[in-house]
Amino acid sequence: MPSFKPVIITTTAATPEEAEAIGAALLETGLAACVQYENIRSDYVWQGKICRDEETRIVIKTARCHYKAVEKTVLAHHSYDCPQIIMQPVSRGFVPYLRWLKAQVGL
């Protein structure tokens, strides 16, 4: 069994519905303990042009060992050609919360 290393993975989606479909798939398969959604505005450069879009940020609480499966799930439900999918390690946290997270992702 892999050791538990908590991480936060962030991505964005074009619509709240797309974000919720990604979140539901992650929760239903046990790849995430919690998924949060935030409405944001993004300015970025795409194909040489500055763009501005309303998006939904998805914050995924999971374990490092699940990254590849989370990435695959996000890509399977995503409409973007090149979505942001970034993993950040969690070096410290409230111990009871981290125990809960560990239990939810099957570790």
PDB file of N, CA and C in Angstrom:
ATOM      1  N   MET A   1       0.851  -1.178   0.000  1.00  0.00           N
ATOM      2  CA  MET A   1       0.000   0.000   0.000  1.00  0.00           C
ATOM      3  C   MET A   1       0.897   1.241   0.000  1.00  0.00           C
ATOM      4  N   PRO A   2       0.602   2.236  -0.861  1.00  0.00           N
ATOM      5  CA  PRO A   2       1.429   3.439  -0.921  1.00  0.00           C
ATOM      6  C   PRO A   2       1.298   4.267   0.357  1.00  0.00           C
ATOM      7  N   SER A   3       2.362   5.017   0.655  1.00  0.00           N
ATOM      8  CA  SER A   3       2.280   5.902   1.819  1.00  0.00           C
ATOM      9  C   SER A   3       1.380   7.089   1.485  1.00  0.00           C
ATOM     10  N   PHE A   4       0.795   7.660   2.505  1.00  0.00           N
ATOM     11  CA  PHE A   4      -0.149   8.766   2.306  1.00  0.00           C
ATOM     12  C   PHE A   4       0.595  10.090   2.238  1.00  0.00           C
ATOM     13  N   LYS A   5       0.489  10.741   1.097  1.00  0.00           N
ATOM     14  CA  LYS A   5       1.032  12.081   0.899  1.00  0.00           C
ATOM     15  C   LYS A   5      -0.109  12.947   0.379  1.00  0.00           C
ATOM     16  N   PRO A   6      -0.690  13.789   1.243  1.00  0.00           N
ATOM     17  CA  PRO A   6      -1.821  14.606   0.802  1.00  0.00           C
ATOM     18  C   PRO A   6      -1.391  15.664  -0.201  1.00  0.00           C
ATOM     19  N   VAL A   7      -2.255  15.902  -1.164  1.00  0.00           N
ATOM     20  CA  VAL A   7      -2.010  16.927  -2.181  1.00  0.00           C
ATOM     21  C   VAL A   7      -3.309  17.651  -2.491  1.00  0.00           C
ATOM     22  N   ILE A   8      -3.136  18.814  -3.098  1.00  0.00           N
ATOM     23  CA  ILE A   8      -4.256  19.565  -3.657  1.00  0.00           C
ATOM     24  C   ILE A   8      -3.993  19.690  -5.148  1.00  0.00           C
ATOM     25  N   ILE A   9      -4.961  19.291  -5.930  1.00  0.00           N
ATOM     26  CA  ILE A   9      -4.864  19.421  -7.382  1.00  0.00           C
ATOM     27  C   ILE A   9      -5.879  20.471  -7.799  1.00  0.00           C
ATOM     28  N   THR A  10      -5.442  21.413  -8.621  1.00  0.00           N
ATOM     29  CA  THR A  10      -6.360  22.438  -9.114  1.00  0.00           C
ATOM     30  C   THR A  10      -6.468  22.357 -10.630  1.00  0.00           C
ATOM     31  N   THR A  11      -7.663  22.620 -11.089  1.00  0.00           N
ATOM     32  CA  THR A  11      -7.935  22.724 -12.509  1.00  0.00           C
ATOM     33  C   THR A  11      -9.057  23.743 -12.672  1.00  0.00           C
ATOM     34  N   THR A  12      -9.415  24.045 -13.890  1.00  0.00           N
ATOM     35  CA  THR A  12     -10.546  24.930 -14.151  1.00  0.00           C
ATOM     36  C   THR A  12     -11.440  24.271 -15.192  1.00  0.00           C
ATOM     37  N   ALA A  13     -12.681  24.713 -15.234  1.00  0.00           N
ATOM     38  CA  ALA A  13     -13.633  24.207 -16.221  1.00  0.00           C
ATOM     39  C   ALA A  13     -14.385  25.389 -16.827  1.00  0.00           C
ATOM     40  N   ALA A  14     -14.916  25.171 -18.010  1.00  0.00           N
ATOM     41  CA  ALA A  14     -15.605  26.239 -18.730  1.00  0.00           C
ATOM     42  C   ALA A  14     -16.934  26.618 -18.089  1.00  0.00           C
ATOM     43  N   THR A  15     -17.579  25.661 -17.435  1.00  0.00           N
ATOM     44  CA  THR A  15     -18.896  25.916 -16.845  1.00  0.00           C
ATOM     45  C   THR A  15     -18.989  25.235 -15.480  1.00  0.00           C
ATOM     46  N   PRO A  16     -19.897  25.723 -14.630  1.00  0.00           N
ATOM     47  CA  PRO A  16     -20.119  25.032 -13.358  1.00  0.00           C
ATOM     48  C   PRO A  16     -20.575  23.584 -13.556  1.00  0.00           C
ATOM     49  N   GLU A  17     -21.354  23.326 -14.585  1.00  0.00           N
ATOM     50  CA  GLU A  17     -21.850  21.976 -14.843  1.00  0.00           C
ATOM     51  C   GLU A  17     -20.699  21.026 -15.189  1.00  0.00           C
ATOM     52  N   GLU A  18     -19.774  21.503 -16.010  1.00  0.00           N
ATOM     53  CA  GLU A  18     -18.608  20.685 -16.353  1.00  0.00           C
ATOM     54  C   GLU A  18     -17.763  20.425 -15.106  1.00  0.00           C
ATOM     55  N   ALA A  19     -17.570  21.454 -14.298  1.00  0.00           N
ATOM     56  CA  ALA A  19     -16.806  21.312 -13.056  1.00  0.00           C
ATOM     57  C   ALA A  19     -17.449  20.280 -12.138  1.00  0.00           C
ATOM     58  N   GLU A  20     -18.762  20.350 -11.998  1.00  0.00           N
ATOM     59  CA  GLU A  20     -19.466  19.416 -11.118  1.00  0.00           C
ATOM     60  C   GLU A  20     -19.432  17.990 -11.657  1.00  0.00           C
ATOM     61  N   ALA A  21     -19.416  17.824 -12.968  1.00  0.00           N
ATOM     62  CA  ALA A  21     -19.297  16.486 -13.552  1.00  0.00           C
ATOM     63  C   ALA A  21     -17.918  15.898 -13.243  1.00  0.00           C
ATOM     64  N   ILE A  22     -16.886  16.717 -13.329  1.00  0.00           N
ATOM     65  CA  ILE A  22     -15.534  16.273 -12.991  1.00  0.00           C
ATOM     66  C   ILE A  22     -15.483  15.899 -11.515  1.00  0.00           C
ATOM     67  N   GLY A  23     -16.007  16.773 -10.664  1.00  0.00           N
ATOM     68  CA  GLY A  23     -16.002  16.510  -9.225  1.00  0.00           C
ATOM     69  C   GLY A  23     -16.753  15.254  -8.861  1.00  0.00           C
ATOM     70  N   ALA A  24     -17.920  15.067  -9.459  1.00  0.00           N
ATOM     71  CA  ALA A  24     -18.722  13.873  -9.165  1.00  0.00           C
ATOM     72  C   ALA A  24     -17.972  12.604  -9.559  1.00  0.00           C
ATOM     73  N   ALA A  25     -17.320  12.617 -10.708  1.00  0.00           N
ATOM     74  CA  ALA A  25     -16.572  11.443 -11.154  1.00  0.00           C
ATOM     75  C   ALA A  25     -15.437  11.123 -10.185  1.00  0.00           C
ATOM     76  N   LEU A  26     -14.762  12.143  -9.684  1.00  0.00           N
ATOM     77  CA  LEU A  26     -13.660  11.930  -8.736  1.00  0.00           C
ATOM     78  C   LEU A  26     -14.160  11.394  -7.400  1.00  0.00           C
ATOM     79  N   LEU A  27     -15.258  11.949  -6.915  1.00  0.00           N
ATOM     80  CA  LEU A  27     -15.805  11.503  -5.633  1.00  0.00           C
ATOM     81  C   LEU A  27     -16.380  10.091  -5.725  1.00  0.00           C
ATOM     82  N   GLU A  28     -17.090   9.807  -6.806  1.00  0.00           N
ATOM     83  CA  GLU A  28     -17.727   8.500  -6.963  1.00  0.00           C
ATOM     84  C   GLU A  28     -16.710   7.370  -7.073  1.00  0.00           C
ATOM     85  N   THR A  29     -15.523   7.662  -7.591  1.00  0.00           N
ATOM     86  CA  THR A  29     -14.500   6.633  -7.759  1.00  0.00           C
ATOM     87  C   THR A  29     -13.516   6.597  -6.589  1.00  0.00           C
ATOM     88  N   GLY A  30     -13.716   7.449  -5.597  1.00  0.00           N
ATOM     89  CA  GLY A  30     -12.826   7.478  -4.436  1.00  0.00           C
ATOM     90  C   GLY A  30     -11.481   8.113  -4.697  1.00  0.00           C
ATOM     91  N   LEU A  31     -11.365   8.868  -5.786  1.00  0.00           N
ATOM     92  CA  LEU A  31     -10.098   9.528  -6.098  1.00  0.00           C
ATOM     93  C   LEU A  31      -9.931  10.853  -5.379  1.00  0.00           C
ATOM     94  N   ALA A  32     -11.002  11.364  -4.799  1.00  0.00           N
ATOM     95  CA  ALA A  32     -10.947  12.622  -4.051  1.00  0.00           C
ATOM     96  C   ALA A  32     -11.779  12.493  -2.795  1.00  0.00           C
ATOM     97  N   ALA A  33     -11.334  13.170  -1.744  1.00  0.00           N
ATOM     98  CA  ALA A  33     -12.090  13.221  -0.497  1.00  0.00           C
ATOM     99  C   ALA A  33     -13.039  14.408  -0.501  1.00  0.00           C
ATOM    100  N   CYS A  34     -12.655  15.461  -1.197  1.00  0.00           N
ATOM    101  CA  CYS A  34     -13.429  16.708  -1.224  1.00  0.00           C
ATOM    102  C   CYS A  34     -13.105  17.440  -2.512  1.00  0.00           C
ATOM    103  N   VAL A  35     -14.106  18.071  -3.083  1.00  0.00           N
ATOM    104  CA  VAL A  35     -13.925  18.887  -4.282  1.00  0.00           C
ATOM    105  C   VAL A  35     -14.645  20.209  -4.042  1.00  0.00           C
ATOM    106  N   GLN A  36     -13.953  21.306  -4.283  1.00  0.00           N
ATOM    107  CA  GLN A  36     -14.551  22.630  -4.099  1.00  0.00           C
ATOM    108  C   GLN A  36     -14.588  23.366  -5.430  1.00  0.00           C
ATOM    109  N   TYR A  37     -15.571  24.252  -5.568  1.00  0.00           N
ATOM    110  CA  TYR A  37     -15.776  24.996  -6.807  1.00  0.00           C
ATOM    111  C   TYR A  37     -15.805  26.492  -6.497  1.00  0.00           C
ATOM    112  N   GLU A  38     -15.137  27.269  -7.343  1.00  0.00           N
ATOM    113  CA  GLU A  38     -15.136  28.729  -7.200  1.00  0.00           C
ATOM    114  C   GLU A  38     -15.337  29.343  -8.575  1.00  0.00           C
ATOM    115  N   ASN A  39     -16.211  30.336  -8.673  1.00  0.00           N
ATOM    116  CA  ASN A  39     -16.349  31.082  -9.912  1.00  0.00           C
ATOM    117  C   ASN A  39     -15.229  32.110  -9.975  1.00  0.00           C
ATOM    118  N   ILE A  40     -14.496  32.107 -11.092  1.00  0.00           N
ATOM    119  CA  ILE A  40     -13.364  33.011 -11.260  1.00  0.00           C
ATOM    120  C   ILE A  40     -13.388  33.625 -12.655  1.00  0.00           C
ATOM    121  N   ARG A  41     -12.592  34.665 -12.833  1.00  0.00           N
ATOM    122  CA  ARG A  41     -12.348  35.232 -14.155  1.00  0.00           C
ATOM    123  C   ARG A  41     -10.875  35.038 -14.446  1.00  0.00           C
ATOM    124  N   SER A  42     -10.561  34.519 -15.620  1.00  0.00           N
ATOM    125  CA  SER A  42      -9.181  34.251 -16.001  1.00  0.00           C
ATOM    126  C   SER A  42      -8.794  35.070 -17.222  1.00  0.00           C
ATOM    127  N   ASP A  43      -7.632  35.688 -17.147  1.00  0.00           N
ATOM    128  CA  ASP A  43      -6.990  36.334 -18.286  1.00  0.00           C
ATOM    129  C   ASP A  43      -5.773  35.484 -18.625  1.00  0.00           C
ATOM    130  N   TYR A  44      -5.582  35.158 -19.891  1.00  0.00           N
ATOM    131  CA  TYR A  44      -4.483  34.280 -20.281  1.00  0.00           C
ATOM    132  C   TYR A  44      -4.171  34.466 -21.760  1.00  0.00           C
ATOM    133  N   VAL A  45      -3.027  33.963 -22.169  1.00  0.00           N
ATOM    134  CA  VAL A  45      -2.633  33.998 -23.573  1.00  0.00           C
ATOM    135  C   VAL A  45      -2.876  32.616 -24.157  1.00  0.00           C
ATOM    136  N   TRP A  46      -3.640  32.558 -25.246  1.00  0.00           N
ATOM    137  CA  TRP A  46      -3.896  31.298 -25.929  1.00  0.00           C
ATOM    138  C   TRP A  46      -3.747  31.516 -27.426  1.00  0.00           C
ATOM    139  N   GLN A  47      -2.865  30.756 -28.052  1.00  0.00           N
ATOM    140  CA  GLN A  47      -2.597  30.837 -29.487  1.00  0.00           C
ATOM    141  C   GLN A  47      -2.291  32.272 -29.904  1.00  0.00           C
ATOM    142  N   GLY A  48      -1.471  32.948 -29.094  1.00  0.00           N
ATOM    143  CA  GLY A  48      -0.989  34.288 -29.426  1.00  0.00           C
ATOM    144  C   GLY A  48      -1.943  35.428 -29.123  1.00  0.00           C
ATOM    145  N   LYS A  49      -3.107  35.146 -28.565  1.00  0.00           N
ATOM    146  CA  LYS A  49      -4.076  36.198 -28.257  1.00  0.00           C
ATOM    147  C   LYS A  49      -4.353  36.231 -26.759  1.00  0.00           C
ATOM    148  N   ILE A  50      -4.583  37.429 -26.235  1.00  0.00           N
ATOM    149  CA  ILE A  50      -4.994  37.570 -24.839  1.00  0.00           C
ATOM    150  C   ILE A  50      -6.488  37.286 -24.760  1.00  0.00           C
ATOM    151  N   CYS A  51      -6.845  36.400 -23.870  1.00  0.00           N
ATOM    152  CA  CYS A  51      -8.240  35.976 -23.714  1.00  0.00           C
ATOM    153  C   CYS A  51      -8.711  36.272 -22.294  1.00  0.00           C
ATOM    154  N   ARG A  52      -9.999  36.395 -22.138  1.00  0.00           N
ATOM    155  CA  ARG A  52     -10.631  36.551 -20.827  1.00  0.00           C
ATOM    156  C   ARG A  52     -11.881  35.691 -20.811  1.00  0.00           C
ATOM    157  N   ASP A  53     -11.986  34.843 -19.775  1.00  0.00           N
ATOM    158  CA  ASP A  53     -13.134  33.954 -19.660  1.00  0.00           C
ATOM    159  C   ASP A  53     -13.586  33.843 -18.216  1.00  0.00           C
ATOM    160  N   GLU A  54     -14.865  33.615 -18.046  1.00  0.00           N
ATOM    161  CA  GLU A  54     -15.412  33.205 -16.755  1.00  0.00           C
ATOM    162  C   GLU A  54     -15.210  31.697 -16.684  1.00  0.00           C
ATOM    163  N   GLU A  55     -14.690  31.213 -15.570  1.00  0.00           N
ATOM    164  CA  GLU A  55     -14.434  29.796 -15.408  1.00  0.00           C
ATOM    165  C   GLU A  55     -14.841  29.360 -14.011  1.00  0.00           C
ATOM    166  N   THR A  56     -14.802  28.067 -13.792  1.00  0.00           N
ATOM    167  CA  THR A  56     -14.989  27.512 -12.462  1.00  0.00           C
ATOM    168  C   THR A  56     -13.698  26.809 -12.064  1.00  0.00           C
ATOM    169  N   ARG A  57     -13.099  27.269 -10.965  1.00  0.00           N
ATOM    170  CA  ARG A  57     -11.905  26.612 -10.442  1.00  0.00           C
ATOM    171  C   ARG A  57     -12.335  25.410  -9.627  1.00  0.00           C
ATOM    172  N   ILE A  58     -11.627  24.301  -9.814  1.00  0.00           N
ATOM    173  CA  ILE A  58     -11.901  23.070  -9.087  1.00  0.00           C
ATOM    174  C   ILE A  58     -10.687  22.788  -8.209  1.00  0.00           C
ATOM    175  N   VAL A  59     -10.925  22.660  -6.916  1.00  0.00           N
ATOM    176  CA  VAL A  59      -9.877  22.342  -5.952  1.00  0.00           C
ATOM    177  C   VAL A  59     -10.157  20.927  -5.445  1.00  0.00           C
ATOM    178  N   ILE A  60      -9.212  20.031  -5.692  1.00  0.00           N
ATOM    179  CA  ILE A  60      -9.394  18.608  -5.419  1.00  0.00           C
ATOM    180  C   ILE A  60      -8.456  18.201  -4.293  1.00  0.00           C
ATOM    181  N   LYS A  61      -9.006  17.649  -3.219  1.00  0.00           N
ATOM    182  CA  LYS A  61      -8.201  17.155  -2.106  1.00  0.00           C
ATOM    183  C   LYS A  61      -8.059  15.654  -2.252  1.00  0.00           C
ATOM    184  N   THR A  62      -6.803  15.190  -2.360  1.00  0.00           N
ATOM    185  CA  THR A  62      -6.563  13.778  -2.627  1.00  0.00           C
ATOM    186  C   THR A  62      -5.181  13.371  -2.136  1.00  0.00           C
ATOM    187  N   ALA A  63      -4.704  12.235  -2.617  1.00  0.00           N
ATOM    188  CA  ALA A  63      -3.380  11.718  -2.271  1.00  0.00           C
ATOM    189  C   ALA A  63      -2.508  11.714  -3.524  1.00  0.00           C
ATOM    190  N   ARG A  64      -1.219  11.927  -3.306  1.00  0.00           N
ATOM    191  CA  ARG A  64      -0.279  11.979  -4.431  1.00  0.00           C
ATOM    192  C   ARG A  64      -0.357  10.726  -5.303  1.00  0.00           C
ATOM    193  N   CYS A  65      -0.518   9.572  -4.697  1.00  0.00           N
ATOM    194  CA  CYS A  65      -0.550   8.322  -5.468  1.00  0.00           C
ATOM    195  C   CYS A  65      -1.730   8.263  -6.444  1.00  0.00           C
ATOM    196  N   HIS A  66      -2.721   9.122  -6.270  1.00  0.00           N
ATOM    197  CA  HIS A  66      -3.890   9.133  -7.159  1.00  0.00           C
ATOM    198  C   HIS A  66      -3.763  10.141  -8.306  1.00  0.00           C
ATOM    199  N   TYR A  67      -2.618  10.861  -8.387  1.00  0.00           N
ATOM    200  CA  TYR A  67      -2.516  11.944  -9.377  1.00  0.00           C
ATOM    201  C   TYR A  67      -2.827  11.475 -10.797  1.00  0.00           C
ATOM    202  N   LYS A  68      -2.201  10.412 -11.257  1.00  0.00           N
ATOM    203  CA  LYS A  68      -2.401   9.968 -12.653  1.00  0.00           C
ATOM    204  C   LYS A  68      -3.872   9.650 -12.929  1.00  0.00           C
ATOM    205  N   ALA A  69      -4.529   8.983 -11.985  1.00  0.00           N
ATOM    206  CA  ALA A  69      -5.943   8.646 -12.171  1.00  0.00           C
ATOM    207  C   ALA A  69      -6.818   9.896 -12.135  1.00  0.00           C
ATOM    208  N   VAL A  70      -6.473  10.851 -11.266  1.00  0.00           N
ATOM    209  CA  VAL A  70      -7.212  12.120 -11.238  1.00  0.00           C
ATOM    210  C   VAL A  70      -7.040  12.839 -12.577  1.00  0.00           C
ATOM    211  N   GLU A  71      -5.815  12.923 -13.059  1.00  0.00           N
ATOM    212  CA  GLU A  71      -5.559  13.582 -14.342  1.00  0.00           C
ATOM    213  C   GLU A  71      -6.369  12.923 -15.463  1.00  0.00           C
ATOM    214  N   LYS A  72      -6.365  11.618 -15.510  1.00  0.00           N
ATOM    215  CA  LYS A  72      -7.110  10.887 -16.549  1.00  0.00           C
ATOM    216  C   LYS A  72      -8.604  11.182 -16.456  1.00  0.00           C
ATOM    217  N   THR A  73      -9.132  11.217 -15.245  1.00  0.00           N
ATOM    218  CA  THR A  73     -10.556  11.500 -15.039  1.00  0.00           C
ATOM    219  C   THR A  73     -10.890  12.932 -15.462  1.00  0.00           C
ATOM    220  N   VAL A  74     -10.059  13.877 -15.073  1.00  0.00           N
ATOM    221  CA  VAL A  74     -10.285  15.275 -15.468  1.00  0.00           C
ATOM    222  C   VAL A  74     -10.303  15.383 -16.993  1.00  0.00           C
ATOM    223  N   LEU A  75      -9.311  14.806 -17.647  1.00  0.00           N
ATOM    224  CA  LEU A  75      -9.232  14.895 -19.111  1.00  0.00           C
ATOM    225  C   LEU A  75     -10.425  14.231 -19.791  1.00  0.00           C
ATOM    226  N   ALA A  76     -10.941  13.160 -19.215  1.00  0.00           N
ATOM    227  CA  ALA A  76     -12.080  12.456 -19.808  1.00  0.00           C
ATOM    228  C   ALA A  76     -13.358  13.282 -19.779  1.00  0.00           C
ATOM    229  N   HIS A  77     -13.447  14.231 -18.847  1.00  0.00           N
ATOM    230  CA  HIS A  77     -14.666  15.031 -18.694  1.00  0.00           C
ATOM    231  C   HIS A  77     -14.471  16.492 -19.085  1.00  0.00           C
ATOM    232  N   HIS A  78     -13.321  16.841 -19.637  1.00  0.00           N
ATOM    233  CA  HIS A  78     -12.962  18.247 -19.866  1.00  0.00           C
ATOM    234  C   HIS A  78     -13.159  18.667 -21.308  1.00  0.00           C
ATOM    235  N   SER A  79     -13.552  19.915 -21.500  1.00  0.00           N
ATOM    236  CA  SER A  79     -13.762  20.431 -22.856  1.00  0.00           C
ATOM    237  C   SER A  79     -12.561  21.204 -23.398  1.00  0.00           C
ATOM    238  N   TYR A  80     -11.583  21.531 -22.577  1.00  0.00           N
ATOM    239  CA  TYR A  80     -10.431  22.313 -23.038  1.00  0.00           C
ATOM    240  C   TYR A  80      -9.414  21.431 -23.757  1.00  0.00           C
ATOM    241  N   ASP A  81      -8.698  22.034 -24.716  1.00  0.00           N
ATOM    242  CA  ASP A  81      -7.607  21.342 -25.401  1.00  0.00           C
ATOM    243  C   ASP A  81      -6.418  21.117 -24.474  1.00  0.00           C
ATOM    244  N   CYS A  82      -6.170  22.082 -23.591  1.00  0.00           N
ATOM    245  CA  CYS A  82      -4.994  22.036 -22.728  1.00  0.00           C
ATOM    246  C   CYS A  82      -5.356  22.570 -21.336  1.00  0.00           C
ATOM    247  N   PRO A  83      -6.088  21.779 -20.541  1.00  0.00           N
ATOM    248  CA  PRO A  83      -6.513  22.291 -19.233  1.00  0.00           C
ATOM    249  C   PRO A  83      -5.357  22.377 -18.245  1.00  0.00           C
ATOM    250  N   GLN A  84      -5.451  23.361 -17.369  1.00  0.00           N
ATOM    251  CA  GLN A  84      -4.525  23.433 -16.239  1.00  0.00           C
ATOM    252  C   GLN A  84      -4.847  22.275 -15.308  1.00  0.00           C
ATOM    253  N   ILE A  85      -3.845  21.485 -14.992  1.00  0.00           N
ATOM    254  CA  ILE A  85      -3.977  20.462 -13.954  1.00  0.00           C
ATOM    255  C   ILE A  85      -2.668  20.533 -13.172  1.00  0.00           C
ATOM    256  N   ILE A  86      -2.737  21.093 -11.967  1.00  0.00           N
ATOM    257  CA  ILE A  86      -1.532  21.333 -11.174  1.00  0.00           C
ATOM    258  C   ILE A  86      -1.681  20.676  -9.814  1.00  0.00           C
ATOM    259  N   MET A  87      -0.632  19.950  -9.422  1.00  0.00           N
ATOM    260  CA  MET A  87      -0.630  19.292  -8.116  1.00  0.00           C
ATOM    261  C   MET A  87       0.313  20.043  -7.184  1.00  0.00           C
ATOM    262  N   GLN A  88      -0.178  20.312  -5.959  1.00  0.00           N
ATOM    263  CA  GLN A  88       0.629  20.959  -4.930  1.00  0.00           C
ATOM    264  C   GLN A  88       0.644  20.065  -3.697  1.00  0.00           C
ATOM    265  N   PRO A  89       1.834  19.790  -3.158  1.00  0.00           N
ATOM    266  CA  PRO A  89       1.900  18.964  -1.950  1.00  0.00           C
ATOM    267  C   PRO A  89       1.383  19.723  -0.733  1.00  0.00           C
ATOM    268  N   VAL A  90       0.849  18.990   0.211  1.00  0.00           N
ATOM    269  CA  VAL A  90       0.424  19.549   1.488  1.00  0.00           C
ATOM    270  C   VAL A  90       1.468  19.112   2.512  1.00  0.00           C
ATOM    271  N   SER A  91       2.252  20.057   3.013  1.00  0.00           N
ATOM    272  CA  SER A  91       3.321  19.692   3.940  1.00  0.00           C
ATOM    273  C   SER A  91       2.846  19.636   5.389  1.00  0.00           C
ATOM    274  N   ARG A  92       1.800  20.380   5.704  1.00  0.00           N
ATOM    275  CA  ARG A  92       1.243  20.371   7.057  1.00  0.00           C
ATOM    276  C   ARG A  92      -0.245  20.602   6.973  1.00  0.00           C
ATOM    277  N   GLY A  93      -0.938  20.176   8.016  1.00  0.00           N
ATOM    278  CA  GLY A  93      -2.370  20.398   8.080  1.00  0.00           C
ATOM    279  C   GLY A  93      -2.920  19.926   9.401  1.00  0.00           C
ATOM    280  N   PHE A  94      -4.169  20.238   9.639  1.00  0.00           N
ATOM    281  CA  PHE A  94      -4.872  19.822  10.852  1.00  0.00           C
ATOM    282  C   PHE A  94      -4.955  18.301  10.842  1.00  0.00           C
ATOM    283  N   VAL A  95      -4.328  17.651  11.800  1.00  0.00           N
ATOM    284  CA  VAL A  95      -4.176  16.196  11.795  1.00  0.00           C
ATOM    285  C   VAL A  95      -5.506  15.453  11.684  1.00  0.00           C
ATOM    286  N   PRO A  96      -6.550  15.813  12.426  1.00  0.00           N
ATOM    287  CA  PRO A  96      -7.822  15.093  12.245  1.00  0.00           C
ATOM    288  C   PRO A  96      -8.365  15.205  10.813  1.00  0.00           C
ATOM    289  N   TYR A  97      -8.191  16.365  10.183  1.00  0.00           N
ATOM    290  CA  TYR A  97      -8.636  16.520   8.787  1.00  0.00           C
ATOM    291  C   TYR A  97      -7.828  15.614   7.870  1.00  0.00           C
ATOM    292  N   LEU A  98      -6.517  15.583   8.058  1.00  0.00           N
ATOM    293  CA  LEU A  98      -5.672  14.749   7.209  1.00  0.00           C
ATOM    294  C   LEU A  98      -5.991  13.266   7.388  1.00  0.00           C
ATOM    295  N   ARG A  99      -6.325  12.853   8.611  1.00  0.00           N
ATOM    296  CA  ARG A  99      -6.755  11.461   8.831  1.00  0.00           C
ATOM    297  C   ARG A  99      -8.039  11.163   8.063  1.00  0.00           C
ATOM    298  N   TRP A 100      -8.982  12.109   8.119  1.00  0.00           N
ATOM    299  CA  TRP A 100     -10.241  11.950   7.384  1.00  0.00           C
ATOM    300  C   TRP A 100      -9.963  11.846   5.886  1.00  0.00           C
ATOM    301  N   LEU A 101      -9.131  12.744   5.360  1.00  0.00           N
ATOM    302  CA  LEU A 101      -8.804  12.732   3.933  1.00  0.00           C
ATOM    303  C   LEU A 101      -8.208  11.388   3.544  1.00  0.00           C
ATOM    304  N   LYS A 102      -7.263  10.910   4.332  1.00  0.00           N
ATOM    305  CA  LYS A 102      -6.626   9.624   4.072  1.00  0.00           C
ATOM    306  C   LYS A 102      -7.649   8.490   4.000  1.00  0.00           C
ATOM    307  N   ALA A 103      -8.568   8.477   4.936  1.00  0.00           N
ATOM    308  CA  ALA A 103      -9.595   7.428   4.966  1.00  0.00           C
ATOM    309  C   ALA A 103     -10.512   7.508   3.752  1.00  0.00           C
ATOM    310  N   GLN A 104     -10.830   8.712   3.317  1.00  0.00           N
ATOM    311  CA  GLN A 104     -11.756   8.877   2.195  1.00  0.00           C
ATOM    312  C   GLN A 104     -11.174   8.429   0.880  1.00  0.00           C
ATOM    313  N   VAL A 105      -9.852   8.526   0.727  1.00  0.00           N
ATOM    314  CA  VAL A 105      -9.232   8.127  -0.540  1.00  0.00           C
ATOM    315  C   VAL A 105      -8.661   6.708  -0.468  1.00  0.00           C
ATOM    316  N   GLY A 106      -9.093   5.969   0.540  1.00  0.00           N
ATOM    317  CA  GLY A 106      -8.784   4.553   0.608  1.00  0.00           C
ATOM    318  C   GLY A 106      -7.370   4.185   1.015  1.00  0.00           C
ATOM    319  N   LEU A 107      -6.723   5.042   1.792  1.00  0.00           N
ATOM    320  CA  LEU A 107      -5.357   4.721   2.222  1.00  0.00           C
ATOM    321  C   LEU A 107      -5.260   4.560   3.716  1.00  0.00           C
TER     322      LEU A 107
END
